[in-house]
């Protein structure tokens, strides 16, 4: 598989996921970025600051700021000061967000069902093993040849 093939595959995966999310985004009036941020916080409660979202999801700070403001205004998130560092603000999903998060989890399950369709369990285990190794390789090395 060549680099261009990987890029095309990643693009197609992202488009598939966004297509699955679009009915919920239309229904709620949330942007894809806002929905992604909400789901990220729901799935990763230990990474609960705007900086965490920016670092891990590679979303620009201004987009995070706009989206978080909207999510707070709509009642899906609450902001809390971090006692040890007054510059940080912890973002927590509210009870109002629970049904939306539940829909998001259903979307994520459907997405995984689509992209992993046709794989045997043993193939998936091997795939995840390889992906874990790729992740470790990327953590320890900087690639400049792409």
N, C-alpha and C. Protein backbone atom coordinates (compact mmCIF):
# COMPACT_ATOMS: atom_id res chain seq x y z
N UNK A 1 0.84 -1.17 0.00
CA UNK A 1 0.00 0.00 0.00
C UNK A 1 0.89 1.24 0.00
N UNK A 2 0.64 2.14 -0.92
CA UNK A 2 1.43 3.36 -1.04
C UNK A 2 0.84 4.47 -0.16
N UNK A 3 1.64 5.50 0.06
CA UNK A 3 1.21 6.63 0.89
C UNK A 3 -0.09 7.22 0.38
N UNK A 4 -0.22 7.39 -0.92
CA UNK A 4 -1.45 7.98 -1.47
C UNK A 4 -2.66 7.11 -1.15
N UNK A 5 -2.47 5.78 -1.15
CA UNK A 5 -3.57 4.87 -0.83
C UNK A 5 -4.01 5.03 0.63
N UNK A 6 -3.04 5.20 1.50
CA UNK A 6 -3.35 5.40 2.93
C UNK A 6 -4.10 6.72 3.10
N UNK A 7 -3.64 7.76 2.42
CA UNK A 7 -4.31 9.06 2.52
C UNK A 7 -5.74 9.00 1.99
N UNK A 8 -5.94 8.31 0.88
CA UNK A 8 -7.28 8.17 0.31
C UNK A 8 -8.17 7.37 1.27
N UNK A 9 -7.62 6.31 1.84
CA UNK A 9 -8.38 5.50 2.79
C UNK A 9 -8.78 6.33 4.01
N UNK A 10 -7.85 7.10 4.55
CA UNK A 10 -8.16 7.94 5.71
C UNK A 10 -9.23 8.98 5.37
N UNK A 11 -9.12 9.57 4.20
CA UNK A 11 -10.12 10.53 3.75
C UNK A 11 -11.50 9.87 3.65
N UNK A 12 -11.55 8.69 3.06
CA UNK A 12 -12.82 7.97 2.91
C UNK A 12 -13.40 7.57 4.25
N UNK A 13 -12.55 7.18 5.18
CA UNK A 13 -13.02 6.82 6.52
C UNK A 13 -13.62 8.04 7.21
N UNK A 14 -12.94 9.17 7.11
CA UNK A 14 -13.44 10.40 7.73
C UNK A 14 -14.78 10.81 7.11
N UNK A 15 -14.87 10.71 5.81
CA UNK A 15 -16.12 11.06 5.12
C UNK A 15 -17.26 10.12 5.53
N UNK A 16 -16.97 8.84 5.66
CA UNK A 16 -17.97 7.88 6.11
C UNK A 16 -18.46 8.22 7.51
N UNK A 17 -17.53 8.52 8.42
CA UNK A 17 -17.90 8.87 9.78
C UNK A 17 -18.74 10.15 9.81
N UNK A 18 -18.34 11.15 9.06
CA UNK A 18 -19.09 12.41 9.02
C UNK A 18 -20.48 12.20 8.44
N UNK A 19 -20.61 11.34 7.45
CA UNK A 19 -21.93 11.04 6.89
C UNK A 19 -22.83 10.37 7.92
N UNK A 20 -22.26 9.50 8.74
CA UNK A 20 -23.04 8.86 9.80
C UNK A 20 -23.46 9.88 10.86
N UNK A 21 -22.62 10.87 11.11
CA UNK A 21 -22.90 11.88 12.13
C UNK A 21 -23.86 12.97 11.65
N UNK A 22 -23.95 13.17 10.36
CA UNK A 22 -24.68 14.34 9.85
C UNK A 22 -26.14 14.41 10.28
N UNK A 23 -26.89 13.31 10.38
CA UNK A 23 -28.27 13.45 10.86
C UNK A 23 -28.36 14.01 12.29
N UNK A 24 -27.47 13.56 13.16
CA UNK A 24 -27.46 14.05 14.54
C UNK A 24 -27.04 15.52 14.57
N UNK A 25 -26.05 15.87 13.78
CA UNK A 25 -25.60 17.26 13.74
C UNK A 25 -26.71 18.17 13.21
N UNK A 26 -27.42 17.72 12.17
CA UNK A 26 -28.55 18.52 11.65
C UNK A 26 -29.64 18.65 12.70
N UNK A 27 -29.95 17.55 13.35
CA UNK A 27 -31.02 17.54 14.36
C UNK A 27 -30.72 18.48 15.53
N UNK A 28 -29.46 18.51 15.96
CA UNK A 28 -29.09 19.32 17.12
C UNK A 28 -28.60 20.72 16.75
N UNK A 29 -28.25 20.91 15.48
CA UNK A 29 -27.68 22.18 15.07
C UNK A 29 -26.21 22.32 15.41
N UNK A 30 -25.58 21.24 15.84
CA UNK A 30 -24.15 21.28 16.18
C UNK A 30 -23.32 21.05 14.93
N UNK A 31 -22.16 21.67 14.90
CA UNK A 31 -21.21 21.40 13.82
C UNK A 31 -20.55 20.05 14.07
N UNK A 32 -19.92 19.51 13.05
CA UNK A 32 -19.18 18.25 13.22
C UNK A 32 -18.09 18.42 14.26
N UNK A 33 -17.40 19.56 14.25
CA UNK A 33 -16.34 19.80 15.24
C UNK A 33 -16.89 19.78 16.65
N UNK A 34 -18.04 20.43 16.87
CA UNK A 34 -18.63 20.46 18.21
C UNK A 34 -19.02 19.06 18.65
N UNK A 35 -19.63 18.31 17.74
CA UNK A 35 -20.02 16.93 18.06
C UNK A 35 -18.79 16.09 18.36
N UNK A 36 -17.73 16.25 17.57
CA UNK A 36 -16.49 15.50 17.79
C UNK A 36 -15.88 15.83 19.15
N UNK A 37 -15.90 17.09 19.52
CA UNK A 37 -15.34 17.50 20.81
C UNK A 37 -16.16 16.90 21.95
N UNK A 38 -17.47 16.96 21.84
CA UNK A 38 -18.33 16.37 22.86
C UNK A 38 -18.06 14.87 23.00
N UNK A 39 -17.97 14.17 21.88
CA UNK A 39 -17.73 12.73 21.92
C UNK A 39 -16.32 12.43 22.45
N UNK A 40 -15.35 13.25 22.09
CA UNK A 40 -14.00 13.05 22.61
C UNK A 40 -14.00 13.15 24.14
N UNK A 41 -14.66 14.18 24.66
CA UNK A 41 -14.72 14.35 26.11
C UNK A 41 -15.47 13.21 26.78
N UNK A 42 -16.54 12.74 26.15
CA UNK A 42 -17.32 11.63 26.71
C UNK A 42 -16.50 10.34 26.71
N UNK A 43 -15.73 10.12 25.68
CA UNK A 43 -14.96 8.88 25.55
C UNK A 43 -13.63 8.92 26.30
N UNK A 44 -13.16 10.11 26.61
CA UNK A 44 -11.83 10.28 27.23
C UNK A 44 -11.90 11.28 28.37
N UNK A 45 -12.63 10.98 29.44
CA UNK A 45 -12.82 11.97 30.49
C UNK A 45 -11.52 12.42 31.17
N UNK A 46 -10.46 11.64 31.04
CA UNK A 46 -9.19 12.04 31.64
C UNK A 46 -8.50 13.14 30.85
N UNK A 47 -8.90 13.35 29.60
CA UNK A 47 -8.36 14.41 28.76
C UNK A 47 -9.45 15.47 28.61
N UNK A 48 -9.52 16.37 29.57
CA UNK A 48 -10.69 17.23 29.68
C UNK A 48 -10.42 18.72 29.61
N UNK A 49 -9.33 19.09 28.98
CA UNK A 49 -9.06 20.52 28.79
C UNK A 49 -8.98 20.81 27.29
N UNK A 50 -9.11 22.08 26.95
CA UNK A 50 -9.00 22.48 25.55
C UNK A 50 -7.63 22.10 24.99
N UNK A 51 -6.60 22.24 25.81
CA UNK A 51 -5.25 21.87 25.36
C UNK A 51 -5.16 20.38 25.07
N UNK A 52 -5.79 19.54 25.91
CA UNK A 52 -5.81 18.10 25.65
C UNK A 52 -6.46 17.82 24.30
N UNK A 53 -7.60 18.46 24.06
CA UNK A 53 -8.32 18.25 22.80
C UNK A 53 -7.45 18.67 21.62
N UNK A 54 -6.81 19.82 21.75
CA UNK A 54 -5.96 20.33 20.68
C UNK A 54 -4.79 19.39 20.41
N UNK A 55 -4.14 18.93 21.47
CA UNK A 55 -2.98 18.05 21.32
C UNK A 55 -3.34 16.70 20.74
N UNK A 56 -4.42 16.11 21.22
CA UNK A 56 -4.75 14.74 20.83
C UNK A 56 -5.55 14.69 19.54
N UNK A 57 -6.52 15.58 19.39
CA UNK A 57 -7.39 15.56 18.20
C UNK A 57 -6.87 16.45 17.08
N UNK A 58 -5.84 17.24 17.35
CA UNK A 58 -5.25 18.14 16.35
C UNK A 58 -6.30 19.10 15.78
N UNK A 59 -7.11 19.64 16.67
CA UNK A 59 -8.08 20.67 16.29
C UNK A 59 -7.51 22.00 16.74
N UNK A 60 -7.61 23.00 15.90
CA UNK A 60 -7.05 24.31 16.21
C UNK A 60 -7.76 24.93 17.42
N UNK A 61 -6.99 25.68 18.20
CA UNK A 61 -7.49 26.26 19.45
C UNK A 61 -8.71 27.16 19.23
N UNK A 62 -8.71 27.94 18.15
CA UNK A 62 -9.86 28.83 17.93
C UNK A 62 -11.13 28.05 17.63
N UNK A 63 -11.01 26.93 16.95
CA UNK A 63 -12.18 26.08 16.67
C UNK A 63 -12.67 25.44 17.97
N UNK A 64 -11.74 24.99 18.79
CA UNK A 64 -12.12 24.41 20.08
C UNK A 64 -12.84 25.45 20.93
N UNK A 65 -12.29 26.65 20.99
CA UNK A 65 -12.89 27.73 21.78
C UNK A 65 -14.31 28.02 21.33
N UNK A 66 -14.51 28.17 20.04
CA UNK A 66 -15.84 28.43 19.49
C UNK A 66 -16.80 27.29 19.80
N UNK A 67 -16.34 26.07 19.58
CA UNK A 67 -17.18 24.89 19.79
C UNK A 67 -17.53 24.71 21.27
N UNK A 68 -16.54 24.88 22.14
CA UNK A 68 -16.80 24.75 23.58
C UNK A 68 -17.79 25.81 24.04
N UNK A 69 -17.62 27.04 23.58
CA UNK A 69 -18.59 28.10 23.93
C UNK A 69 -20.00 27.69 23.53
N UNK A 70 -20.13 27.16 22.35
CA UNK A 70 -21.45 26.72 21.85
C UNK A 70 -22.00 25.57 22.68
N UNK A 71 -21.15 24.59 22.99
CA UNK A 71 -21.58 23.44 23.79
C UNK A 71 -21.98 23.84 25.21
N UNK A 72 -21.28 24.81 25.77
CA UNK A 72 -21.64 25.33 27.10
C UNK A 72 -22.97 26.07 27.01
N UNK A 73 -23.10 26.93 26.02
CA UNK A 73 -24.33 27.71 25.83
C UNK A 73 -25.54 26.80 25.64
N UNK A 74 -25.35 25.70 24.89
CA UNK A 74 -26.44 24.75 24.63
C UNK A 74 -26.71 23.83 25.82
N UNK A 75 -25.83 23.86 26.81
CA UNK A 75 -26.03 23.05 28.02
C UNK A 75 -25.45 21.65 27.96
N UNK A 76 -24.57 21.38 26.98
CA UNK A 76 -23.98 20.05 26.84
C UNK A 76 -22.67 19.91 27.63
N UNK A 77 -22.02 21.03 27.92
CA UNK A 77 -20.77 21.03 28.68
C UNK A 77 -20.84 22.04 29.81
N UNK A 78 -20.03 21.77 30.83
CA UNK A 78 -19.81 22.75 31.89
C UNK A 78 -18.31 22.96 32.03
N UNK A 79 -17.95 24.16 32.43
CA UNK A 79 -16.54 24.50 32.66
C UNK A 79 -16.31 24.54 34.17
N UNK A 80 -15.14 24.02 34.59
CA UNK A 80 -14.75 24.07 35.99
C UNK A 80 -13.29 24.47 36.07
N UNK A 81 -12.99 25.35 37.01
CA UNK A 81 -11.60 25.75 37.22
C UNK A 81 -10.81 24.57 37.77
N UNK A 82 -9.56 24.46 37.36
CA UNK A 82 -8.66 23.43 37.88
C UNK A 82 -7.95 24.04 39.08
N UNK A 83 -8.16 23.47 40.28
CA UNK A 83 -7.61 24.07 41.50
C UNK A 83 -6.10 24.28 41.49
N UNK A 84 -5.35 23.34 40.90
CA UNK A 84 -3.89 23.43 40.92
C UNK A 84 -3.32 24.40 39.90
N UNK A 85 -4.13 24.78 38.91
CA UNK A 85 -3.64 25.65 37.85
C UNK A 85 -4.79 26.53 37.36
N UNK A 86 -4.82 27.76 37.81
CA UNK A 86 -5.95 28.65 37.51
C UNK A 86 -6.07 28.99 36.02
N UNK A 87 -5.01 28.68 35.23
CA UNK A 87 -5.08 28.92 33.79
C UNK A 87 -5.87 27.83 33.06
N UNK A 88 -6.02 26.68 33.69
CA UNK A 88 -6.70 25.56 33.06
C UNK A 88 -8.17 25.52 33.44
N UNK A 89 -8.96 25.06 32.49
CA UNK A 89 -10.39 24.87 32.71
C UNK A 89 -10.75 23.45 32.31
N UNK A 90 -11.37 22.74 33.25
CA UNK A 90 -11.80 21.37 32.98
C UNK A 90 -13.17 21.41 32.32
N UNK A 91 -13.36 20.60 31.29
CA UNK A 91 -14.61 20.52 30.55
C UNK A 91 -15.30 19.19 30.87
N UNK A 92 -16.54 19.28 31.33
CA UNK A 92 -17.28 18.09 31.75
C UNK A 92 -18.62 18.05 31.02
N UNK A 93 -18.98 16.87 30.51
CA UNK A 93 -20.27 16.68 29.85
C UNK A 93 -21.39 16.73 30.90
N UNK A 94 -22.50 17.33 30.53
CA UNK A 94 -23.64 17.45 31.44
C UNK A 94 -24.61 16.28 31.24
N UNK A 95 -25.61 16.24 32.12
CA UNK A 95 -26.66 15.22 31.98
C UNK A 95 -27.45 15.44 30.69
N UNK A 96 -27.60 16.70 30.29
CA UNK A 96 -28.31 17.00 29.04
C UNK A 96 -27.61 16.35 27.84
N UNK A 97 -26.29 16.19 27.94
CA UNK A 97 -25.52 15.62 26.83
C UNK A 97 -25.67 14.11 26.73
N UNK A 98 -26.17 13.46 27.78
CA UNK A 98 -26.22 11.99 27.81
C UNK A 98 -26.94 11.37 26.61
N UNK A 99 -28.14 11.84 26.23
CA UNK A 99 -28.79 11.22 25.06
C UNK A 99 -28.00 11.42 23.77
N UNK A 100 -27.38 12.58 23.64
CA UNK A 100 -26.57 12.86 22.44
C UNK A 100 -25.33 11.97 22.41
N UNK A 101 -24.72 11.78 23.56
CA UNK A 101 -23.55 10.90 23.67
C UNK A 101 -23.96 9.46 23.35
N UNK A 102 -25.13 9.06 23.81
CA UNK A 102 -25.63 7.72 23.51
C UNK A 102 -25.80 7.54 21.99
N UNK A 103 -26.34 8.55 21.33
CA UNK A 103 -26.45 8.50 19.87
C UNK A 103 -25.07 8.43 19.23
N UNK A 104 -24.13 9.20 19.78
CA UNK A 104 -22.76 9.19 19.27
C UNK A 104 -22.12 7.83 19.39
N UNK A 105 -22.35 7.17 20.51
CA UNK A 105 -21.80 5.82 20.69
C UNK A 105 -22.40 4.84 19.68
N UNK A 106 -23.68 4.98 19.40
CA UNK A 106 -24.32 4.13 18.38
C UNK A 106 -23.71 4.39 17.00
N UNK A 107 -23.45 5.67 16.71
CA UNK A 107 -22.81 6.03 15.43
C UNK A 107 -21.41 5.42 15.36
N UNK A 108 -20.66 5.54 16.43
CA UNK A 108 -19.31 4.99 16.45
C UNK A 108 -19.33 3.47 16.27
N UNK A 109 -20.29 2.81 16.90
CA UNK A 109 -20.42 1.35 16.74
C UNK A 109 -20.73 1.00 15.29
N UNK A 110 -21.64 1.75 14.67
CA UNK A 110 -21.99 1.51 13.26
C UNK A 110 -20.78 1.76 12.36
N UNK A 111 -20.03 2.81 12.66
CA UNK A 111 -18.83 3.11 11.89
C UNK A 111 -17.84 1.95 11.96
N UNK A 112 -17.57 1.46 13.17
CA UNK A 112 -16.65 0.34 13.32
C UNK A 112 -17.18 -0.91 12.62
N UNK A 113 -18.48 -1.14 12.71
CA UNK A 113 -19.07 -2.29 12.00
C UNK A 113 -18.83 -2.17 10.49
N UNK A 114 -18.95 -0.95 9.97
CA UNK A 114 -18.74 -0.76 8.52
C UNK A 114 -17.28 -0.97 8.13
N UNK A 115 -16.37 -0.36 8.87
CA UNK A 115 -14.97 -0.44 8.43
C UNK A 115 -14.33 -1.79 8.71
N UNK A 116 -14.87 -2.54 9.69
CA UNK A 116 -14.30 -3.84 9.99
C UNK A 116 -15.15 -5.00 9.46
N UNK A 117 -16.11 -4.70 8.61
CA UNK A 117 -16.96 -5.75 8.03
C UNK A 117 -16.09 -6.72 7.24
N UNK A 118 -16.38 -8.00 7.40
CA UNK A 118 -15.66 -9.02 6.65
C UNK A 118 -14.39 -9.52 7.32
N UNK A 119 -13.99 -8.89 8.43
CA UNK A 119 -12.80 -9.35 9.14
C UNK A 119 -13.18 -10.48 10.11
N UNK A 120 -12.36 -11.51 10.17
CA UNK A 120 -12.49 -12.52 11.22
C UNK A 120 -11.90 -11.93 12.50
N UNK A 121 -12.34 -12.43 13.64
CA UNK A 121 -11.82 -11.94 14.93
C UNK A 121 -10.30 -12.05 15.00
N UNK A 122 -9.76 -13.15 14.50
CA UNK A 122 -8.31 -13.33 14.54
C UNK A 122 -7.60 -12.29 13.67
N UNK A 123 -8.22 -11.94 12.53
CA UNK A 123 -7.64 -10.90 11.67
C UNK A 123 -7.65 -9.55 12.37
N UNK A 124 -8.74 -9.25 13.07
CA UNK A 124 -8.83 -7.98 13.79
C UNK A 124 -7.79 -7.92 14.90
N UNK A 125 -7.58 -9.03 15.60
CA UNK A 125 -6.58 -9.04 16.66
C UNK A 125 -5.19 -8.76 16.08
N UNK A 126 -4.89 -9.36 14.95
CA UNK A 126 -3.61 -9.12 14.29
C UNK A 126 -3.50 -7.66 13.84
N UNK A 127 -4.57 -7.15 13.24
CA UNK A 127 -4.60 -5.76 12.78
C UNK A 127 -4.34 -4.80 13.95
N UNK A 128 -5.04 -5.01 15.07
CA UNK A 128 -4.86 -4.12 16.23
C UNK A 128 -3.45 -4.24 16.80
N UNK A 129 -2.88 -5.43 16.73
CA UNK A 129 -1.50 -5.62 17.18
C UNK A 129 -0.55 -4.79 16.31
N UNK A 130 -0.77 -4.85 14.99
CA UNK A 130 0.07 -4.07 14.08
C UNK A 130 -0.13 -2.57 14.29
N UNK A 131 -1.36 -2.15 14.48
CA UNK A 131 -1.64 -0.73 14.70
C UNK A 131 -0.98 -0.24 15.99
N UNK A 132 -0.98 -1.08 17.01
CA UNK A 132 -0.32 -0.72 18.26
C UNK A 132 1.19 -0.53 18.04
N UNK A 133 1.79 -1.40 17.23
CA UNK A 133 3.21 -1.27 16.94
C UNK A 133 3.48 0.00 16.14
N UNK A 134 2.63 0.30 15.17
CA UNK A 134 2.79 1.53 14.40
C UNK A 134 2.69 2.73 15.34
N UNK A 135 1.74 2.70 16.26
CA UNK A 135 1.58 3.78 17.24
C UNK A 135 2.87 3.95 18.06
N UNK A 136 3.41 2.85 18.53
CA UNK A 136 4.65 2.91 19.31
C UNK A 136 5.79 3.47 18.46
N UNK A 137 5.86 3.03 17.20
CA UNK A 137 6.90 3.54 16.31
C UNK A 137 6.78 5.05 16.13
N UNK A 138 5.57 5.53 16.00
CA UNK A 138 5.35 6.97 15.78
C UNK A 138 5.63 7.77 17.04
N UNK A 139 5.45 7.19 18.20
CA UNK A 139 5.74 7.87 19.45
C UNK A 139 7.23 8.07 19.66
N UNK A 140 8.02 7.13 19.17
CA UNK A 140 9.46 7.14 19.46
C UNK A 140 10.31 7.71 18.36
N UNK A 141 9.74 7.90 17.17
CA UNK A 141 10.52 8.39 16.04
C UNK A 141 9.80 9.54 15.35
N UNK A 142 10.57 10.42 14.81
CA UNK A 142 10.01 11.49 13.99
C UNK A 142 10.21 11.12 12.53
N UNK A 143 9.11 11.15 11.78
CA UNK A 143 9.22 10.83 10.36
C UNK A 143 9.26 12.11 9.56
N UNK A 144 10.25 12.19 8.71
CA UNK A 144 10.39 13.38 7.87
C UNK A 144 10.34 13.03 6.38
N UNK A 145 10.24 11.77 6.06
CA UNK A 145 10.33 11.36 4.67
C UNK A 145 8.98 11.37 3.95
N UNK A 146 7.90 11.58 4.66
CA UNK A 146 6.58 11.56 4.00
C UNK A 146 6.38 12.82 3.32
